[in-house]
Amino acid sequence: MTITMYGITNCDTIKKARAWLESHDVAYLFHDYRVEGLEADRLDGWSSMVGWEILLNKSSTTFRELSETDRLRLDERKAKALMLAKPTMIKRPVLDLDDRILVGFKPDVYQQALGGLK
């Protein structure tokens, strides 16, 4: 299994998740979507797995800085367009485990999903 963590390098939650993975000897690749971007097909896949509502981080600074017009009447199409234009609106991290994803960082969820990989 190839594990890829998606996020931005300077995010505190990303730093915690990376530290957890490293302390548990879990190998992973890191994809900084602020630098490397994010493909629409990948976001569509994530959205089909967990729903766009889970992926969109409404408490992010980037989302709060949007105009009221952009925040109103959000639907899947509009939310995906916003996340692709400004990927920092995606909840972090997204951990891609090939057949599923984990969104956000909770040590107990990581332990349950990844604990047997050593």
N, C-alpha and C. Protein backbone atom coordinates (compact mmCIF):
# COMPACT_ATOMS: atom_id res chain seq x y z
N MET A 1 0.84 -1.17 0.00
CA MET A 1 0.00 0.00 0.00
C MET A 1 0.89 1.24 0.00
N THR A 2 0.56 2.17 -0.87
CA THR A 2 1.25 3.45 -0.88
C THR A 2 0.38 4.46 -0.15
N ILE A 3 0.93 5.08 0.86
CA ILE A 3 0.21 6.09 1.63
C ILE A 3 0.71 7.46 1.20
N THR A 4 -0.23 8.33 0.88
CA THR A 4 0.12 9.70 0.52
C THR A 4 -0.65 10.65 1.41
N MET A 5 0.07 11.57 2.03
CA MET A 5 -0.56 12.61 2.83
C MET A 5 -0.64 13.87 1.98
N TYR A 6 -1.83 14.44 1.92
CA TYR A 6 -2.07 15.68 1.20
C TYR A 6 -2.32 16.79 2.21
N GLY A 7 -1.71 17.94 1.96
CA GLY A 7 -1.89 19.08 2.83
C GLY A 7 -0.94 20.19 2.45
N ILE A 8 -0.64 21.03 3.43
CA ILE A 8 0.35 22.10 3.24
C ILE A 8 1.40 21.98 4.33
N THR A 9 2.62 22.24 3.96
CA THR A 9 3.77 21.99 4.84
C THR A 9 3.69 22.69 6.18
N ASN A 10 3.27 23.95 6.20
CA ASN A 10 3.34 24.72 7.45
C ASN A 10 2.11 24.59 8.34
N CYS A 11 1.21 23.69 8.05
CA CYS A 11 0.00 23.48 8.86
C CYS A 11 0.36 22.72 10.14
N ASP A 12 -0.10 23.21 11.28
CA ASP A 12 0.19 22.55 12.56
C ASP A 12 -0.39 21.13 12.63
N THR A 13 -1.57 20.93 12.09
CA THR A 13 -2.18 19.59 12.10
C THR A 13 -1.39 18.64 11.22
N ILE A 14 -0.89 19.12 10.10
CA ILE A 14 -0.04 18.30 9.24
C ILE A 14 1.22 17.90 10.01
N LYS A 15 1.81 18.84 10.72
CA LYS A 15 3.02 18.54 11.49
C LYS A 15 2.75 17.46 12.52
N LYS A 16 1.61 17.51 13.20
CA LYS A 16 1.26 16.49 14.19
C LYS A 16 1.05 15.13 13.53
N ALA A 17 0.35 15.13 12.40
CA ALA A 17 0.09 13.87 11.70
C ALA A 17 1.39 13.26 11.18
N ARG A 18 2.26 14.10 10.63
CA ARG A 18 3.54 13.59 10.14
C ARG A 18 4.37 13.02 11.29
N ALA A 19 4.38 13.71 12.42
CA ALA A 19 5.12 13.22 13.58
C ALA A 19 4.56 11.87 14.04
N TRP A 20 3.24 11.72 14.02
CA TRP A 20 2.62 10.45 14.41
C TRP A 20 3.07 9.34 13.46
N LEU A 21 2.97 9.59 12.16
CA LEU A 21 3.36 8.57 11.19
C LEU A 21 4.82 8.18 11.36
N GLU A 22 5.68 9.17 11.53
CA GLU A 22 7.11 8.90 11.67
C GLU A 22 7.42 8.15 12.97
N SER A 23 6.74 8.51 14.05
CA SER A 23 6.99 7.82 15.32
C SER A 23 6.47 6.39 15.31
N HIS A 24 5.56 6.08 14.39
CA HIS A 24 5.03 4.72 14.26
C HIS A 24 5.61 3.99 13.05
N ASP A 25 6.71 4.54 12.51
CA ASP A 25 7.41 3.92 11.39
C ASP A 25 6.51 3.60 10.19
N VAL A 26 5.59 4.52 9.91
CA VAL A 26 4.70 4.35 8.76
C VAL A 26 5.26 5.19 7.61
N ALA A 27 5.63 4.52 6.54
CA ALA A 27 6.17 5.21 5.37
C ALA A 27 5.05 5.90 4.60
N TYR A 28 5.33 7.09 4.12
CA TYR A 28 4.32 7.84 3.38
C TYR A 28 5.01 8.84 2.45
N LEU A 29 4.27 9.27 1.46
CA LEU A 29 4.69 10.35 0.58
C LEU A 29 3.91 11.60 1.00
N PHE A 30 4.50 12.76 0.81
CA PHE A 30 3.80 14.00 1.14
C PHE A 30 3.57 14.82 -0.13
N HIS A 31 2.34 15.27 -0.30
CA HIS A 31 1.96 16.09 -1.45
C HIS A 31 1.45 17.43 -0.92
N ASP A 32 2.22 18.48 -1.15
CA ASP A 32 1.82 19.82 -0.74
C ASP A 32 0.97 20.42 -1.85
N TYR A 33 -0.34 20.45 -1.64
CA TYR A 33 -1.20 20.91 -2.73
C TYR A 33 -1.20 22.42 -2.90
N ARG A 34 -0.59 23.12 -2.00
CA ARG A 34 -0.39 24.56 -2.25
C ARG A 34 0.70 24.74 -3.31
N VAL A 35 1.72 23.90 -3.27
CA VAL A 35 2.83 23.97 -4.22
C VAL A 35 2.55 23.15 -5.48
N GLU A 36 2.08 21.92 -5.29
CA GLU A 36 1.93 20.97 -6.39
C GLU A 36 0.54 20.97 -7.02
N GLY A 37 -0.41 21.64 -6.39
CA GLY A 37 -1.77 21.66 -6.91
C GLY A 37 -2.52 20.38 -6.60
N LEU A 38 -3.73 20.31 -7.09
CA LEU A 38 -4.59 19.14 -6.86
C LEU A 38 -5.45 18.95 -8.10
N GLU A 39 -5.52 17.74 -8.59
CA GLU A 39 -6.29 17.44 -9.79
C GLU A 39 -7.77 17.32 -9.44
N ALA A 40 -8.61 17.77 -10.36
CA ALA A 40 -10.07 17.70 -10.18
C ALA A 40 -10.52 16.25 -9.99
N ASP A 41 -9.92 15.32 -10.73
CA ASP A 41 -10.32 13.91 -10.60
C ASP A 41 -10.05 13.37 -9.20
N ARG A 42 -8.94 13.77 -8.61
CA ARG A 42 -8.63 13.31 -7.25
C ARG A 42 -9.66 13.86 -6.26
N LEU A 43 -9.96 15.15 -6.37
CA LEU A 43 -10.96 15.75 -5.49
C LEU A 43 -12.32 15.08 -5.68
N ASP A 44 -12.68 14.78 -6.92
CA ASP A 44 -13.94 14.08 -7.19
C ASP A 44 -13.95 12.71 -6.50
N GLY A 45 -12.83 12.01 -6.58
CA GLY A 45 -12.74 10.71 -5.92
C GLY A 45 -12.89 10.80 -4.42
N TRP A 46 -12.21 11.77 -3.83
CA TRP A 46 -12.35 11.97 -2.38
C TRP A 46 -13.78 12.30 -2.01
N SER A 47 -14.38 13.17 -2.80
CA SER A 47 -15.74 13.60 -2.53
C SER A 47 -16.71 12.42 -2.61
N SER A 48 -16.48 11.52 -3.54
CA SER A 48 -17.35 10.34 -3.65
C SER A 48 -17.15 9.40 -2.46
N MET A 49 -15.96 9.42 -1.85
CA MET A 49 -15.69 8.56 -0.70
C MET A 49 -16.29 9.10 0.60
N VAL A 50 -16.11 10.41 0.83
CA VAL A 50 -16.51 10.96 2.14
C VAL A 50 -17.50 12.12 2.05
N GLY A 51 -17.71 12.66 0.87
CA GLY A 51 -18.61 13.80 0.71
C GLY A 51 -17.85 15.12 0.77
N TRP A 52 -18.28 16.06 -0.06
CA TRP A 52 -17.60 17.35 -0.12
C TRP A 52 -17.73 18.12 1.19
N GLU A 53 -18.81 17.86 1.94
CA GLU A 53 -19.02 18.58 3.21
C GLU A 53 -17.92 18.25 4.22
N ILE A 54 -17.41 17.02 4.19
CA ILE A 54 -16.33 16.62 5.09
C ILE A 54 -15.02 17.26 4.65
N LEU A 55 -14.81 17.36 3.36
CA LEU A 55 -13.55 17.90 2.82
C LEU A 55 -13.42 19.41 2.98
N LEU A 56 -14.52 20.13 2.88
CA LEU A 56 -14.47 21.59 2.94
C LEU A 56 -14.31 22.06 4.38
N ASN A 57 -13.23 22.77 4.63
CA ASN A 57 -12.94 23.28 5.98
C ASN A 57 -13.50 24.69 6.12
N LYS A 58 -14.73 24.77 6.62
CA LYS A 58 -15.40 26.06 6.75
C LYS A 58 -14.79 26.93 7.84
N SER A 59 -13.95 26.37 8.68
CA SER A 59 -13.31 27.18 9.70
C SER A 59 -11.94 27.69 9.27
N SER A 60 -11.52 27.34 8.05
CA SER A 60 -10.22 27.80 7.57
C SER A 60 -10.24 29.31 7.32
N THR A 61 -9.09 29.91 7.48
CA THR A 61 -8.96 31.35 7.21
C THR A 61 -9.34 31.65 5.76
N THR A 62 -8.93 30.80 4.85
CA THR A 62 -9.22 31.02 3.44
C THR A 62 -10.72 31.03 3.19
N PHE A 63 -11.45 30.10 3.80
CA PHE A 63 -12.90 30.07 3.62
C PHE A 63 -13.55 31.31 4.24
N ARG A 64 -13.12 31.67 5.43
CA ARG A 64 -13.72 32.83 6.12
C ARG A 64 -13.45 34.13 5.38
N GLU A 65 -12.37 34.17 4.60
CA GLU A 65 -12.04 35.38 3.84
C GLU A 65 -12.81 35.49 2.53
N LEU A 66 -13.55 34.45 2.16
CA LEU A 66 -14.36 34.50 0.95
C LEU A 66 -15.46 35.55 1.09
N SER A 67 -15.91 36.07 -0.03
CA SER A 67 -17.04 36.99 0.01
C SER A 67 -18.28 36.23 0.47
N GLU A 68 -19.23 36.96 0.99
CA GLU A 68 -20.47 36.33 1.45
C GLU A 68 -21.16 35.61 0.30
N THR A 69 -21.06 36.16 -0.89
CA THR A 69 -21.66 35.55 -2.08
C THR A 69 -21.08 34.16 -2.32
N ASP A 70 -19.75 34.03 -2.17
CA ASP A 70 -19.11 32.73 -2.39
C ASP A 70 -19.46 31.72 -1.31
N ARG A 71 -19.74 32.20 -0.10
CA ARG A 71 -20.06 31.28 1.00
C ARG A 71 -21.53 30.86 1.01
N LEU A 72 -22.37 31.64 0.38
CA LEU A 72 -23.81 31.34 0.39
C LEU A 72 -24.16 30.25 -0.60
N ARG A 73 -25.18 29.52 -0.26
CA ARG A 73 -25.75 28.49 -1.14
C ARG A 73 -24.70 27.56 -1.73
N LEU A 74 -23.86 27.07 -0.86
CA LEU A 74 -22.83 26.13 -1.32
C LEU A 74 -23.48 24.81 -1.73
N ASP A 75 -23.07 24.32 -2.86
CA ASP A 75 -23.44 22.98 -3.28
C ASP A 75 -22.13 22.28 -3.68
N GLU A 76 -22.24 21.03 -4.10
CA GLU A 76 -21.04 20.27 -4.41
C GLU A 76 -20.22 20.91 -5.52
N ARG A 77 -20.86 21.34 -6.58
CA ARG A 77 -20.15 21.94 -7.72
C ARG A 77 -19.39 23.19 -7.28
N LYS A 78 -20.05 24.06 -6.54
CA LYS A 78 -19.43 25.31 -6.10
C LYS A 78 -18.30 25.03 -5.10
N ALA A 79 -18.54 24.12 -4.17
CA ALA A 79 -17.53 23.79 -3.16
C ALA A 79 -16.28 23.20 -3.81
N LYS A 80 -16.46 22.30 -4.77
CA LYS A 80 -15.31 21.70 -5.45
C LYS A 80 -14.52 22.76 -6.22
N ALA A 81 -15.22 23.66 -6.88
CA ALA A 81 -14.54 24.72 -7.63
C ALA A 81 -13.73 25.59 -6.68
N LEU A 82 -14.28 25.91 -5.51
CA LEU A 82 -13.56 26.71 -4.52
C LEU A 82 -12.33 25.97 -4.00
N MET A 83 -12.49 24.66 -3.70
CA MET A 83 -11.37 23.89 -3.18
C MET A 83 -10.26 23.73 -4.21
N LEU A 84 -10.63 23.59 -5.47
CA LEU A 84 -9.60 23.48 -6.51
C LEU A 84 -8.88 24.81 -6.71
N ALA A 85 -9.62 25.91 -6.62
CA ALA A 85 -9.02 27.23 -6.79
C ALA A 85 -8.14 27.60 -5.60
N LYS A 86 -8.57 27.18 -4.41
CA LYS A 86 -7.85 27.51 -3.17
C LYS A 86 -7.80 26.26 -2.30
N PRO A 87 -6.86 25.36 -2.58
CA PRO A 87 -6.81 24.07 -1.87
C PRO A 87 -6.61 24.19 -0.36
N THR A 88 -6.22 25.35 0.13
CA THR A 88 -6.08 25.49 1.58
C THR A 88 -7.45 25.43 2.27
N MET A 89 -8.53 25.40 1.50
CA MET A 89 -9.87 25.22 2.07
C MET A 89 -10.20 23.76 2.32
N ILE A 90 -9.32 22.86 1.92
CA ILE A 90 -9.54 21.43 2.14
C ILE A 90 -9.07 21.10 3.55
N LYS A 91 -9.92 20.39 4.28
CA LYS A 91 -9.55 19.98 5.64
C LYS A 91 -8.28 19.15 5.58
N ARG A 92 -7.40 19.36 6.54
CA ARG A 92 -6.09 18.71 6.52
C ARG A 92 -5.87 17.84 7.75
N PRO A 93 -5.04 16.84 7.53
CA PRO A 93 -4.56 16.28 6.26
C PRO A 93 -5.61 15.38 5.63
N VAL A 94 -5.39 15.07 4.37
CA VAL A 94 -6.11 13.99 3.71
C VAL A 94 -5.06 12.89 3.52
N LEU A 95 -5.31 11.76 4.14
CA LEU A 95 -4.39 10.63 4.05
C LEU A 95 -5.00 9.61 3.11
N ASP A 96 -4.38 9.44 1.96
CA ASP A 96 -4.88 8.54 0.93
C ASP A 96 -4.26 7.16 1.14
N LEU A 97 -5.12 6.18 1.43
CA LEU A 97 -4.67 4.81 1.70
C LEU A 97 -5.02 3.88 0.54
N ASP A 98 -5.08 4.40 -0.66
CA ASP A 98 -5.43 3.68 -1.89
C ASP A 98 -6.93 3.38 -1.96
N ASP A 99 -7.45 2.59 -1.03
CA ASP A 99 -8.85 2.19 -1.10
C ASP A 99 -9.78 3.07 -0.27
N ARG A 100 -9.22 3.97 0.51
CA ARG A 100 -10.01 4.87 1.36
C ARG A 100 -9.15 6.05 1.76
N ILE A 101 -9.79 7.05 2.34
CA ILE A 101 -9.05 8.21 2.83
C ILE A 101 -9.44 8.49 4.27
N LEU A 102 -8.51 9.11 4.97
CA LEU A 102 -8.77 9.65 6.31
C LEU A 102 -8.66 11.16 6.19
N VAL A 103 -9.64 11.88 6.72
CA VAL A 103 -9.65 13.34 6.64
C VAL A 103 -9.50 13.89 8.04
N GLY A 104 -8.51 14.77 8.22
CA GLY A 104 -8.22 15.30 9.55
C GLY A 104 -7.27 14.36 10.27
N PHE A 105 -6.83 14.77 11.45
CA PHE A 105 -5.91 13.94 12.22
C PHE A 105 -6.46 13.68 13.60
N LYS A 106 -6.66 12.40 13.87
CA LYS A 106 -7.02 11.93 15.21
C LYS A 106 -6.16 10.70 15.47
N PRO A 107 -5.29 10.77 16.48
CA PRO A 107 -4.37 9.65 16.71
C PRO A 107 -5.07 8.30 16.83
N ASP A 108 -6.22 8.23 17.48
CA ASP A 108 -6.89 6.95 17.64
C ASP A 108 -7.39 6.39 16.30
N VAL A 109 -7.81 7.26 15.39
CA VAL A 109 -8.24 6.83 14.06
C VAL A 109 -7.04 6.33 13.26
N TYR A 110 -5.94 7.07 13.34
CA TYR A 110 -4.71 6.63 12.66
C TYR A 110 -4.25 5.29 13.21
N GLN A 111 -4.30 5.12 14.52
CA GLN A 111 -3.87 3.86 15.13
C GLN A 111 -4.72 2.71 14.64
N GLN A 112 -6.04 2.91 14.60
CA GLN A 112 -6.92 1.85 14.15
C GLN A 112 -6.68 1.53 12.68
N ALA A 113 -6.48 2.54 11.85
CA ALA A 113 -6.31 2.32 10.41
C ALA A 113 -4.92 1.84 10.03
N LEU A 114 -3.89 2.27 10.79
CA LEU A 114 -2.50 2.04 10.37
C LEU A 114 -1.67 1.25 11.36
N GLY A 115 -2.20 0.97 12.51
CA GLY A 115 -1.42 0.34 13.57
C GLY A 115 -0.79 -0.98 13.21
N GLY A 116 -1.38 -1.72 12.31
CA GLY A 116 -0.85 -3.03 11.94
C GLY A 116 0.12 -3.02 10.78
N LEU A 117 0.57 -1.84 10.35
CA LEU A 117 1.44 -1.76 9.17
C LEU A 117 2.91 -1.99 9.46
N LYS A 118 3.33 -2.00 10.69
CA LYS A 118 4.77 -2.14 10.98
C LYS A 118 5.32 -3.45 10.51
